[in-house]
N, C-alpha and C. Protein backbone atom coordinates (compact mmCIF):
# COMPACT_ATOMS: atom_id res chain seq x y z
N MET A 1 -7.93 15.74 33.26
CA MET A 1 -7.63 14.33 33.34
C MET A 1 -6.85 13.92 32.10
N LYS A 2 -5.75 13.24 32.30
CA LYS A 2 -4.93 12.79 31.19
C LYS A 2 -5.45 11.47 30.65
N MET A 3 -5.48 11.37 29.32
CA MET A 3 -5.87 10.12 28.68
C MET A 3 -4.63 9.25 28.56
N ARG A 4 -4.79 7.99 28.86
CA ARG A 4 -3.67 7.08 28.71
C ARG A 4 -3.80 6.34 27.41
N SER A 5 -2.67 6.13 26.77
CA SER A 5 -2.65 5.42 25.50
C SER A 5 -3.01 3.96 25.72
N THR A 6 -3.72 3.39 24.76
CA THR A 6 -4.04 1.96 24.84
C THR A 6 -2.95 1.12 24.20
N ARG A 7 -2.00 1.79 23.55
CA ARG A 7 -0.88 1.06 22.95
C ARG A 7 0.11 0.66 24.03
N PRO A 8 0.68 -0.53 23.91
CA PRO A 8 1.69 -0.92 24.91
C PRO A 8 2.93 -0.06 24.73
N MET A 9 3.57 0.26 25.83
CA MET A 9 4.80 1.04 25.76
C MET A 9 5.91 0.17 25.21
N ARG A 10 6.68 0.75 24.32
CA ARG A 10 7.81 0.03 23.75
C ARG A 10 9.02 0.27 24.64
N ILE A 11 9.64 -0.80 25.04
CA ILE A 11 10.84 -0.69 25.85
C ILE A 11 12.02 -0.74 24.90
N HIS A 12 12.78 0.34 24.87
CA HIS A 12 13.92 0.41 23.96
C HIS A 12 15.07 -0.40 24.53
N GLN A 13 15.64 -1.21 23.65
CA GLN A 13 16.79 -2.01 24.03
C GLN A 13 18.05 -1.28 23.61
N GLU A 14 19.14 -1.80 24.00
CA GLU A 14 20.42 -1.26 23.54
C GLU A 14 20.44 -1.35 22.02
N PRO A 15 21.02 -0.35 21.35
CA PRO A 15 21.03 -0.36 19.89
C PRO A 15 21.64 -1.64 19.29
N GLU A 16 22.66 -2.17 19.94
CA GLU A 16 23.29 -3.40 19.42
C GLU A 16 22.31 -4.58 19.47
N VAL A 17 21.54 -4.65 20.54
CA VAL A 17 20.56 -5.74 20.69
C VAL A 17 19.46 -5.58 19.65
N GLU A 18 18.98 -4.35 19.49
CA GLU A 18 17.93 -4.08 18.51
C GLU A 18 18.41 -4.37 17.08
N LEU A 19 19.65 -3.96 16.79
CA LEU A 19 20.22 -4.19 15.46
C LEU A 19 20.37 -5.69 15.18
N ALA A 20 20.79 -6.44 16.17
CA ALA A 20 20.94 -7.89 16.01
C ALA A 20 19.58 -8.54 15.73
N ALA A 21 18.54 -8.09 16.43
CA ALA A 21 17.20 -8.64 16.20
C ALA A 21 16.69 -8.31 14.80
N ILE A 22 16.94 -7.08 14.37
CA ILE A 22 16.53 -6.67 13.02
C ILE A 22 17.28 -7.48 11.98
N ASP A 23 18.58 -7.66 12.18
CA ASP A 23 19.38 -8.44 11.22
C ASP A 23 18.89 -9.88 11.13
N ARG A 24 18.44 -10.45 12.26
CA ARG A 24 17.89 -11.82 12.22
C ARG A 24 16.61 -11.86 11.40
N ARG A 25 15.76 -10.83 11.54
CA ARG A 25 14.52 -10.79 10.74
C ARG A 25 14.84 -10.63 9.25
N ILE A 26 15.81 -9.79 8.94
CA ILE A 26 16.20 -9.61 7.54
C ILE A 26 16.75 -10.92 6.98
N ALA A 27 17.59 -11.60 7.75
CA ALA A 27 18.15 -12.89 7.30
C ALA A 27 17.03 -13.90 7.05
N TRP A 28 16.02 -13.90 7.92
CA TRP A 28 14.89 -14.83 7.73
C TRP A 28 14.19 -14.54 6.41
N VAL A 29 13.95 -13.26 6.13
CA VAL A 29 13.28 -12.89 4.88
C VAL A 29 14.15 -13.26 3.69
N LEU A 30 15.45 -12.99 3.77
CA LEU A 30 16.35 -13.32 2.66
C LEU A 30 16.40 -14.83 2.39
N ASN A 31 16.27 -15.63 3.43
CA ASN A 31 16.35 -17.09 3.27
C ASN A 31 15.00 -17.75 3.00
N HIS A 32 13.93 -17.00 3.10
CA HIS A 32 12.60 -17.58 2.90
C HIS A 32 12.39 -17.85 1.40
N PRO A 33 11.92 -19.05 1.06
CA PRO A 33 11.74 -19.39 -0.36
C PRO A 33 10.67 -18.56 -1.06
N GLY A 34 9.77 -17.96 -0.32
CA GLY A 34 8.71 -17.18 -0.94
C GLY A 34 9.07 -15.72 -1.18
N THR A 35 10.25 -15.31 -0.75
CA THR A 35 10.66 -13.92 -0.93
C THR A 35 11.00 -13.68 -2.39
N SER A 36 10.45 -12.60 -2.93
CA SER A 36 10.69 -12.29 -4.35
C SER A 36 12.14 -11.91 -4.59
N PRO A 37 12.63 -12.18 -5.79
CA PRO A 37 14.00 -11.76 -6.13
C PRO A 37 14.19 -10.25 -5.99
N TRP A 38 13.15 -9.48 -6.31
CA TRP A 38 13.24 -8.03 -6.19
C TRP A 38 13.49 -7.61 -4.74
N LEU A 39 12.73 -8.19 -3.80
CA LEU A 39 12.89 -7.85 -2.39
C LEU A 39 14.25 -8.30 -1.87
N LYS A 40 14.69 -9.50 -2.28
CA LYS A 40 16.01 -9.97 -1.85
C LYS A 40 17.10 -9.02 -2.33
N ALA A 41 17.03 -8.61 -3.59
CA ALA A 41 18.04 -7.69 -4.12
C ALA A 41 18.00 -6.35 -3.39
N ALA A 42 16.79 -5.86 -3.10
CA ALA A 42 16.65 -4.59 -2.38
C ALA A 42 17.23 -4.69 -0.98
N LEU A 43 16.95 -5.78 -0.27
CA LEU A 43 17.49 -5.94 1.08
C LEU A 43 19.00 -6.06 1.07
N GLU A 44 19.53 -6.83 0.12
CA GLU A 44 20.98 -6.98 0.04
C GLU A 44 21.65 -5.65 -0.27
N ALA A 45 21.07 -4.87 -1.18
CA ALA A 45 21.62 -3.56 -1.49
C ALA A 45 21.51 -2.63 -0.28
N ALA A 46 20.40 -2.71 0.44
CA ALA A 46 20.20 -1.86 1.61
C ALA A 46 21.23 -2.18 2.70
N LEU A 47 21.51 -3.47 2.89
CA LEU A 47 22.47 -3.86 3.91
C LEU A 47 23.87 -3.34 3.59
N ALA A 48 24.17 -3.20 2.30
CA ALA A 48 25.49 -2.74 1.88
C ALA A 48 25.58 -1.22 1.82
N GLY A 49 24.43 -0.54 1.90
CA GLY A 49 24.41 0.90 1.73
C GLY A 49 24.46 1.68 3.03
N ASP A 50 24.57 2.98 2.89
CA ASP A 50 24.54 3.91 4.02
C ASP A 50 23.12 3.91 4.59
N PRO A 51 22.97 3.65 5.89
CA PRO A 51 21.62 3.56 6.48
C PRO A 51 20.76 4.80 6.28
N LEU A 52 21.33 5.98 6.29
CA LEU A 52 20.54 7.19 6.09
C LEU A 52 20.05 7.31 4.65
N VAL A 53 20.90 6.95 3.71
CA VAL A 53 20.49 6.98 2.31
C VAL A 53 19.41 5.93 2.08
N VAL A 54 19.58 4.77 2.67
CA VAL A 54 18.58 3.70 2.54
C VAL A 54 17.25 4.15 3.12
N ALA A 55 17.27 4.79 4.29
CA ALA A 55 16.01 5.26 4.90
C ALA A 55 15.32 6.27 4.00
N ASN A 56 16.06 7.16 3.40
CA ASN A 56 15.47 8.13 2.47
C ASN A 56 14.90 7.44 1.24
N ASP A 57 15.63 6.47 0.72
CA ASP A 57 15.15 5.72 -0.46
C ASP A 57 13.88 4.94 -0.14
N VAL A 58 13.82 4.35 1.04
CA VAL A 58 12.63 3.60 1.46
C VAL A 58 11.43 4.53 1.52
N GLU A 59 11.60 5.72 2.05
CA GLU A 59 10.50 6.68 2.10
C GLU A 59 10.06 7.07 0.70
N MET A 60 11.01 7.27 -0.20
CA MET A 60 10.66 7.63 -1.57
C MET A 60 9.90 6.49 -2.24
N LEU A 61 10.36 5.26 -2.06
CA LEU A 61 9.65 4.11 -2.62
C LEU A 61 8.23 4.01 -2.06
N ARG A 62 8.09 4.26 -0.76
CA ARG A 62 6.77 4.20 -0.15
C ARG A 62 5.85 5.25 -0.75
N HIS A 63 6.36 6.45 -0.93
CA HIS A 63 5.53 7.53 -1.48
C HIS A 63 5.17 7.30 -2.95
N LEU A 64 6.03 6.60 -3.67
CA LEU A 64 5.77 6.36 -5.09
C LEU A 64 5.01 5.06 -5.34
N LEU A 65 5.44 4.00 -4.70
CA LEU A 65 4.90 2.68 -5.05
C LEU A 65 3.61 2.32 -4.33
N LEU A 66 3.43 2.78 -3.10
CA LEU A 66 2.19 2.43 -2.39
C LEU A 66 0.96 3.01 -3.08
N PRO A 67 0.94 4.30 -3.43
CA PRO A 67 -0.23 4.82 -4.16
C PRO A 67 -0.41 4.16 -5.53
N ARG A 68 0.71 3.87 -6.19
CA ARG A 68 0.63 3.22 -7.51
C ARG A 68 0.01 1.83 -7.37
N SER A 69 0.48 1.07 -6.39
CA SER A 69 -0.06 -0.28 -6.18
C SER A 69 -1.53 -0.23 -5.79
N THR A 70 -1.90 0.73 -4.97
CA THR A 70 -3.30 0.88 -4.56
C THR A 70 -4.18 1.21 -5.76
N ALA A 71 -3.73 2.15 -6.59
CA ALA A 71 -4.51 2.52 -7.78
C ALA A 71 -4.63 1.33 -8.73
N HIS A 72 -3.56 0.58 -8.89
CA HIS A 72 -3.60 -0.59 -9.77
C HIS A 72 -4.58 -1.64 -9.23
N ALA A 73 -4.55 -1.87 -7.92
CA ALA A 73 -5.47 -2.84 -7.31
C ALA A 73 -6.92 -2.41 -7.50
N LEU A 74 -7.18 -1.11 -7.38
CA LEU A 74 -8.54 -0.61 -7.60
C LEU A 74 -8.98 -0.83 -9.04
N LEU A 75 -8.08 -0.60 -9.99
CA LEU A 75 -8.41 -0.84 -11.40
C LEU A 75 -8.72 -2.31 -11.67
N VAL A 76 -7.93 -3.18 -11.08
CA VAL A 76 -8.14 -4.62 -11.27
C VAL A 76 -9.48 -5.04 -10.64
N ALA A 77 -9.76 -4.54 -9.44
CA ALA A 77 -11.02 -4.87 -8.77
C ALA A 77 -12.21 -4.34 -9.56
N GLU A 78 -12.07 -3.13 -10.09
CA GLU A 78 -13.15 -2.54 -10.87
C GLU A 78 -13.41 -3.34 -12.15
N ALA A 79 -12.35 -3.79 -12.78
CA ALA A 79 -12.49 -4.58 -14.02
C ALA A 79 -13.13 -5.94 -13.74
N ALA A 80 -12.94 -6.46 -12.54
CA ALA A 80 -13.49 -7.78 -12.20
C ALA A 80 -14.94 -7.72 -11.78
N GLU A 81 -15.45 -6.53 -11.44
CA GLU A 81 -16.84 -6.41 -11.01
C GLU A 81 -17.78 -6.63 -12.19
N PRO A 82 -18.84 -7.41 -11.95
CA PRO A 82 -19.82 -7.59 -13.04
C PRO A 82 -20.53 -6.26 -13.31
N ARG A 83 -20.75 -5.99 -14.53
CA ARG A 83 -21.41 -4.74 -14.92
C ARG A 83 -22.90 -4.96 -14.99
N ASN A 84 -23.67 -3.98 -14.48
CA ASN A 84 -25.13 -4.02 -14.58
C ASN A 84 -25.53 -3.54 -15.97
N SER A 85 -26.24 -4.36 -16.69
CA SER A 85 -26.72 -3.88 -17.98
C SER A 85 -28.18 -3.54 -17.83
N MET A 86 -28.44 -2.27 -17.98
CA MET A 86 -29.82 -1.79 -17.86
C MET A 86 -30.25 -1.17 -19.14
C-alpha cells in the first residue's frame, strides 16, 4: 500500500509567471519600512547578480549564519536565566 503525502501538491506555473510573482514579493520586502538596510542591500545585489552565483552564496550564508545566530540566541537565553544559588 502506498502512503500518500499530506502535503498539498505544488502546481508549477510557467517560469515567467513564477518569476513575476517572486519579483513582486521581493519588491514588497524592499519597500517595507521594517526591512533592515542589510537585507535591502543583499536583495538589491542579488537582483543584479548571476542567479546561480546568488543561489550558491545564499546557501553559504545559510550554512554560516544560521548556526551562528542559533548559538548566539542560546547564549543570550542562558545569560537571562536566573541562576540557582545553592
